[in-house]
Amino acid sequence: MIALAMTAEQRRDLRAIAAAPLPVLRTCSDEGFDRCMAALSILPRRKSGSDEGAVLLEVYRRALGGLPSAQLVWVVDTALVRLKWFPTIAELLEIAGEWRRDDEHARAQARAEAALRHDRQARYDGAMTALSRGEMDQGAIDALPLPWAQAAARLGWLVESAGRFALPRPVAGRINGEAA
């Protein structure tokens, strides 16, 4: 597979997409919330009084009503499959913590992050290949991110002296045109 080099401008644009806050999702309407709670009511309840329904609904609304609509629907669907009894607020919040946003904005952000990881890995692999062959000049070595230079030094492809990295002497001489 041929790795296409990404420009600094492309990297900057992708970093902006990856770091941008996602738009706030719309919270569930009162009607939608009531439908979700009604769906949960098919699960058997532990013992409770008959007059607690309205109070219970309001307590659940205060605790869960701020969830985005898509998240609340996912939480209810998951609870119906996973739980044997009508869930507590704590159980629903635990399930809510597992939810991962999957709208177009979140997918675009994930694609940008993946492209940046791929680009960074391709640049790292290219640098390590050049260093393993002794084919990198001192200017390029000086421009390496510190963790990359340290990794190359651990592999014996660079030597460190006074905080500066360089190719081992016999290889460095060949690169700089000196006789070995």
C-alpha atoms as a PDB file:
ATOM      1  CA  MET A   1       0.000   0.000   0.000  1.00  0.00           C
ATOM      2  CA  ILE A   2       1.363   3.389  -0.968  1.00  0.00           C
ATOM      3  CA  ALA A   3       1.230   5.977   1.809  1.00  0.00           C
ATOM      4  CA  LEU A   4       0.410   9.420   0.515  1.00  0.00           C
ATOM      5  CA  ALA A   5       2.138  12.229   2.366  1.00  0.00           C
ATOM      6  CA  MET A   6      -0.162  14.608   4.168  1.00  0.00           C
ATOM      7  CA  THR A   7       0.712  18.276   4.039  1.00  0.00           C
ATOM      8  CA  ALA A   8       1.124  20.385   7.156  1.00  0.00           C
ATOM      9  CA  GLU A   9      -2.012  22.298   6.128  1.00  0.00           C
ATOM     10  CA  GLN A  10      -4.016  19.071   5.855  1.00  0.00           C
ATOM     11  CA  ARG A  11      -2.752  17.993   9.287  1.00  0.00           C
ATOM     12  CA  ARG A  12      -3.743  21.370  10.733  1.00  0.00           C
ATOM     13  CA  ASP A  13      -7.243  21.112   9.234  1.00  0.00           C
ATOM     14  CA  LEU A  14      -7.699  17.577  10.571  1.00  0.00           C
ATOM     15  CA  ARG A  15      -6.457  18.601  14.028  1.00  0.00           C
ATOM     16  CA  ALA A  16      -9.056  21.383  14.047  1.00  0.00           C
ATOM     17  CA  ILE A  17     -11.833  18.908  13.186  1.00  0.00           C
ATOM     18  CA  ALA A  18     -10.594  16.395  15.769  1.00  0.00           C
ATOM     19  CA  ALA A  19     -10.352  19.021  18.529  1.00  0.00           C
ATOM     20  CA  ALA A  20     -13.591  20.883  17.768  1.00  0.00           C
ATOM     21  CA  PRO A  21     -16.329  20.439  20.353  1.00  0.00           C
ATOM     22  CA  LEU A  22     -19.224  18.396  19.049  1.00  0.00           C
ATOM     23  CA  PRO A  23     -22.544  20.217  18.664  1.00  0.00           C
ATOM     24  CA  VAL A  24     -24.875  19.757  21.603  1.00  0.00           C
ATOM     25  CA  LEU A  25     -27.540  17.158  20.951  1.00  0.00           C
ATOM     26  CA  ARG A  26     -31.205  17.934  21.531  1.00  0.00           C
ATOM     27  CA  THR A  27     -32.518  16.611  24.834  1.00  0.00           C
ATOM     28  CA  CYS A  28     -35.521  14.361  24.947  1.00  0.00           C
ATOM     29  CA  SER A  29     -38.925  16.062  24.940  1.00  0.00           C
ATOM     30  CA  ASP A  30     -41.289  15.456  27.860  1.00  0.00           C
ATOM     31  CA  GLU A  31     -43.439  13.312  25.594  1.00  0.00           C
ATOM     32  CA  GLY A  32     -40.442  11.305  24.403  1.00  0.00           C
ATOM     33  CA  PHE A  33     -39.242  10.865  27.966  1.00  0.00           C
ATOM     34  CA  ASP A  34     -42.664   9.604  29.023  1.00  0.00           C
ATOM     35  CA  ARG A  35     -42.639   7.090  26.137  1.00  0.00           C
ATOM     36  CA  CYS A  36     -39.191   5.840  27.201  1.00  0.00           C
ATOM     37  CA  MET A  37     -40.310   5.386  30.787  1.00  0.00           C
ATOM     38  CA  ALA A  38     -43.469   3.620  29.586  1.00  0.00           C
ATOM     39  CA  ALA A  39     -41.289   1.229  27.589  1.00  0.00           C
ATOM     40  CA  LEU A  40     -39.333   0.418  30.754  1.00  0.00           C
ATOM     41  CA  SER A  41     -42.566  -0.296  32.597  1.00  0.00           C
ATOM     42  CA  ILE A  42     -42.795  -3.716  30.911  1.00  0.00           C
ATOM     43  CA  LEU A  43     -40.039  -4.805  33.300  1.00  0.00           C
ATOM     44  CA  PRO A  44     -41.349  -6.098  36.623  1.00  0.00           C
ATOM     45  CA  ARG A  45     -41.015  -3.712  39.561  1.00  0.00           C
ATOM     46  CA  ARG A  46     -39.796  -4.446  42.985  1.00  0.00           C
ATOM     47  CA  LYS A  47     -42.415  -3.880  45.659  1.00  0.00           C
ATOM     48  CA  SER A  48     -43.695  -0.321  45.767  1.00  0.00           C
ATOM     49  CA  GLY A  49     -46.836   1.587  46.563  1.00  0.00           C
ATOM     50  CA  SER A  50     -49.456   2.187  43.889  1.00  0.00           C
ATOM     51  CA  ASP A  51     -49.389   5.975  44.291  1.00  0.00           C
ATOM     52  CA  GLU A  52     -45.662   6.317  43.602  1.00  0.00           C
ATOM     53  CA  GLY A  53     -45.904   6.344  39.785  1.00  0.00           C
ATOM     54  CA  ALA A  54     -46.138  10.114  39.267  1.00  0.00           C
ATOM     55  CA  VAL A  55     -43.471  10.844  41.881  1.00  0.00           C
ATOM     56  CA  LEU A  56     -41.185   8.178  40.428  1.00  0.00           C
ATOM     57  CA  LEU A  57     -41.600   9.560  36.917  1.00  0.00           C
ATOM     58  CA  GLU A  58     -40.681  13.072  38.097  1.00  0.00           C
ATOM     59  CA  VAL A  59     -37.611  11.833  40.003  1.00  0.00           C
ATOM     60  CA  TYR A  60     -36.437   9.902  36.927  1.00  0.00           C
ATOM     61  CA  ARG A  61     -37.121  12.946  34.725  1.00  0.00           C
ATOM     62  CA  ARG A  62     -34.929  15.161  36.968  1.00  0.00           C
ATOM     63  CA  ALA A  63     -32.089  12.624  36.881  1.00  0.00           C
ATOM     64  CA  LEU A  64     -32.290  11.556  33.240  1.00  0.00           C
ATOM     65  CA  GLY A  65     -34.243  14.274  31.429  1.00  0.00           C
ATOM     66  CA  GLY A  66     -31.106  16.125  30.372  1.00  0.00           C
ATOM     67  CA  LEU A  67     -29.811  13.204  28.318  1.00  0.00           C
ATOM     68  CA  PRO A  68     -29.863  13.655  24.564  1.00  0.00           C
ATOM     69  CA  SER A  69     -32.844  11.964  22.968  1.00  0.00           C
ATOM     70  CA  ALA A  70     -30.708   9.470  21.022  1.00  0.00           C
ATOM     71  CA  GLN A  71     -28.851   8.516  24.179  1.00  0.00           C
ATOM     72  CA  LEU A  72     -31.993   8.033  26.259  1.00  0.00           C
ATOM     73  CA  VAL A  73     -33.565   5.798  23.605  1.00  0.00           C
ATOM     74  CA  TRP A  74     -30.357   3.734  23.484  1.00  0.00           C
ATOM     75  CA  VAL A  75     -30.270   3.488  27.284  1.00  0.00           C
ATOM     76  CA  VAL A  76     -33.876   2.251  27.409  1.00  0.00           C
ATOM     77  CA  ASP A  77     -33.312  -0.268  24.595  1.00  0.00           C
ATOM     78  CA  THR A  78     -30.191  -1.561  26.348  1.00  0.00           C
ATOM     79  CA  ALA A  79     -31.919  -1.730  29.736  1.00  0.00           C
ATOM     80  CA  LEU A  80     -34.806  -3.730  28.273  1.00  0.00           C
ATOM     81  CA  VAL A  81     -32.375  -6.335  26.939  1.00  0.00           C
ATOM     82  CA  ARG A  82     -29.997  -6.397  29.892  1.00  0.00           C
ATOM     83  CA  LEU A  83     -32.072  -5.946  33.037  1.00  0.00           C
ATOM     84  CA  LYS A  84     -34.587  -8.249  34.691  1.00  0.00           C
ATOM     85  CA  TRP A  85     -36.253  -5.624  36.896  1.00  0.00           C
ATOM     86  CA  PHE A  86     -37.351  -2.032  36.453  1.00  0.00           C
ATOM     87  CA  PRO A  87     -34.022  -0.181  36.656  1.00  0.00           C
ATOM     88  CA  THR A  88     -32.846   2.245  39.266  1.00  0.00           C
ATOM     89  CA  ILE A  89     -31.579   5.653  38.221  1.00  0.00           C
ATOM     90  CA  ALA A  90     -28.057   4.455  39.040  1.00  0.00           C
ATOM     91  CA  GLU A  91     -28.423   1.487  36.674  1.00  0.00           C
ATOM     92  CA  LEU A  92     -29.677   3.706  33.867  1.00  0.00           C
ATOM     93  CA  LEU A  93     -26.872   6.227  34.403  1.00  0.00           C
ATOM     94  CA  GLU A  94     -24.329   3.395  34.320  1.00  0.00           C
ATOM     95  CA  ILE A  95     -25.746   2.232  30.997  1.00  0.00           C
ATOM     96  CA  ALA A  96     -25.787   5.852  29.771  1.00  0.00           C
ATOM     97  CA  GLY A  97     -22.035   6.007  30.443  1.00  0.00           C
ATOM     98  CA  GLU A  98     -21.499   3.239  27.879  1.00  0.00           C
ATOM     99  CA  TRP A  99     -23.226   5.142  25.073  1.00  0.00           C
ATOM    100  CA  ARG A 100     -21.070   6.425  22.244  1.00  0.00           C
ATOM    101  CA  ARG A 101     -22.311   9.187  20.041  1.00  0.00           C
ATOM    102  CA  ASP A 102     -22.690   8.138  16.403  1.00  0.00           C
ATOM    103  CA  ASP A 103     -23.944  11.115  14.443  1.00  0.00           C
ATOM    104  CA  GLU A 104     -22.263  12.660  11.394  1.00  0.00           C
ATOM    105  CA  HIS A 105     -20.268  15.133  13.518  1.00  0.00           C
ATOM    106  CA  ALA A 106     -18.887  12.384  15.763  1.00  0.00           C
ATOM    107  CA  ARG A 107     -18.059  10.202  12.739  1.00  0.00           C
ATOM    108  CA  ALA A 108     -16.247  13.104  11.024  1.00  0.00           C
ATOM    109  CA  GLN A 109     -14.253  13.693  14.195  1.00  0.00           C
ATOM    110  CA  ALA A 110     -13.380   9.983  14.439  1.00  0.00           C
ATOM    111  CA  ARG A 111     -12.290   9.937  10.768  1.00  0.00           C
ATOM    112  CA  ALA A 112     -10.061  12.977  11.343  1.00  0.00           C
ATOM    113  CA  GLU A 113      -8.479  11.367  14.416  1.00  0.00           C
ATOM    114  CA  ALA A 114      -7.898   8.115  12.504  1.00  0.00           C
ATOM    115  CA  ALA A 115      -6.336   9.958   9.552  1.00  0.00           C
ATOM    116  CA  LEU A 116      -3.998  11.833  11.908  1.00  0.00           C
ATOM    117  CA  ARG A 117      -2.980   8.581  13.655  1.00  0.00           C
ATOM    118  CA  HIS A 118      -2.371   6.927  10.286  1.00  0.00           C
ATOM    119  CA  ASP A 119      -0.324   9.883   9.045  1.00  0.00           C
ATOM    120  CA  ARG A 120       1.749  10.011  12.225  1.00  0.00           C
ATOM    121  CA  GLN A 121       2.410   6.265  12.063  1.00  0.00           C
ATOM    122  CA  ALA A 122       3.404   6.516   8.386  1.00  0.00           C
ATOM    123  CA  ARG A 123       5.818   9.367   9.157  1.00  0.00           C
ATOM    124  CA  TYR A 124       7.237   7.435  12.128  1.00  0.00           C
ATOM    125  CA  ASP A 125       7.669   4.295  10.011  1.00  0.00           C
ATOM    126  CA  GLY A 126       9.377   6.312   7.268  1.00  0.00           C
ATOM    127  CA  ALA A 127      11.728   7.953   9.756  1.00  0.00           C
ATOM    128  CA  MET A 128      12.588   4.638  11.422  1.00  0.00           C
ATOM    129  CA  THR A 129      13.219   2.993   8.036  1.00  0.00           C
ATOM    130  CA  ALA A 130      15.536   5.830   6.984  1.00  0.00           C
ATOM    131  CA  LEU A 131      17.361   5.707  10.326  1.00  0.00           C
ATOM    132  CA  SER A 132      17.732   1.913  10.210  1.00  0.00           C
ATOM    133  CA  ARG A 133      19.428   2.312   6.830  1.00  0.00           C
ATOM    134  CA  GLY A 134      21.503   5.269   7.990  1.00  0.00           C
ATOM    135  CA  GLU A 135      19.877   7.481   5.345  1.00  0.00           C
ATOM    136  CA  MET A 136      18.884  10.563   7.338  1.00  0.00           C
ATOM    137  CA  ASP A 137      20.867  13.793   7.460  1.00  0.00           C
ATOM    138  CA  GLN A 138      21.514  15.690  10.681  1.00  0.00           C
ATOM    139  CA  GLY A 139      18.935  18.388   9.946  1.00  0.00           C
ATOM    140  CA  ALA A 140      16.189  15.781   9.643  1.00  0.00           C
ATOM    141  CA  ILE A 141      17.439  14.038  12.792  1.00  0.00           C
ATOM    142  CA  ASP A 142      17.324  17.334  14.696  1.00  0.00           C
ATOM    143  CA  ALA A 143      13.710  17.822  13.528  1.00  0.00           C
ATOM    144  CA  LEU A 144      12.551  14.436  14.863  1.00  0.00           C
ATOM    145  CA  PRO A 145      10.130  14.439  17.779  1.00  0.00           C
ATOM    146  CA  LEU A 146      12.068  13.563  20.929  1.00  0.00           C
ATOM    147  CA  PRO A 147      10.257  10.240  21.552  1.00  0.00           C
ATOM    148  CA  TRP A 148      11.114   9.116  18.014  1.00  0.00           C
ATOM    149  CA  ALA A 149      14.795   9.991  18.450  1.00  0.00           C
ATOM    150  CA  GLN A 150      14.845   8.196  21.805  1.00  0.00           C
ATOM    151  CA  ALA A 151      13.261   5.099  20.238  1.00  0.00           C
ATOM    152  CA  ALA A 152      15.853   5.123  17.447  1.00  0.00           C
ATOM    153  CA  ALA A 153      18.627   5.460  20.035  1.00  0.00           C
ATOM    154  CA  ARG A 154      17.285   2.435  21.952  1.00  0.00           C
ATOM    155  CA  LEU A 155      17.414   0.496  18.684  1.00  0.00           C
ATOM    156  CA  GLY A 156      21.006   1.615  18.072  1.00  0.00           C
ATOM    157  CA  TRP A 157      20.200   3.693  15.001  1.00  0.00           C
ATOM    158  CA  LEU A 158      21.108   6.971  16.726  1.00  0.00           C
ATOM    159  CA  VAL A 159      23.527   7.909  19.470  1.00  0.00           C
ATOM    160  CA  GLU A 160      22.856  10.626  22.023  1.00  0.00           C
ATOM    161  CA  SER A 161      25.477  13.030  23.236  1.00  0.00           C
ATOM    162  CA  ALA A 162      24.789  16.114  25.345  1.00  0.00           C
ATOM    163  CA  GLY A 163      21.087  15.968  24.546  1.00  0.00           C
ATOM    164  CA  ARG A 164      21.643  15.803  20.792  1.00  0.00           C
ATOM    165  CA  PHE A 165      21.059  12.780  18.597  1.00  0.00           C
ATOM    166  CA  ALA A 166      23.172  11.744  15.613  1.00  0.00           C
ATOM    167  CA  LEU A 167      23.833   8.743  13.429  1.00  0.00           C
ATOM    168  CA  PRO A 168      26.620   6.469  14.669  1.00  0.00           C
ATOM    169  CA  ARG A 169      29.940   7.833  13.340  1.00  0.00           C
ATOM    170  CA  PRO A 170      30.724   5.403  10.466  1.00  0.00           C
ATOM    171  CA  VAL A 171      27.212   5.825   9.010  1.00  0.00           C
ATOM    172  CA  ALA A 172      27.232   9.591   9.529  1.00  0.00           C
ATOM    173  CA  GLY A 173      30.465   9.867   7.555  1.00  0.00           C
ATOM    174  CA  ARG A 174      28.964   8.088   4.556  1.00  0.00           C
ATOM    175  CA  ILE A 175      25.862  10.352   4.596  1.00  0.00           C
ATOM    176  CA  ASN A 176      27.902  13.549   4.833  1.00  0.00           C
ATOM    177  CA  GLY A 177      30.292  12.483   2.032  1.00  0.00           C
ATOM    178  CA  GLU A 178      33.280  11.713   4.245  1.00  0.00           C
ATOM    179  CA  ALA A 179      35.392   8.640   3.621  1.00  0.00           C
ATOM    180  CA  ALA A 180      34.688   5.941   6.167  1.00  0.00           C
END
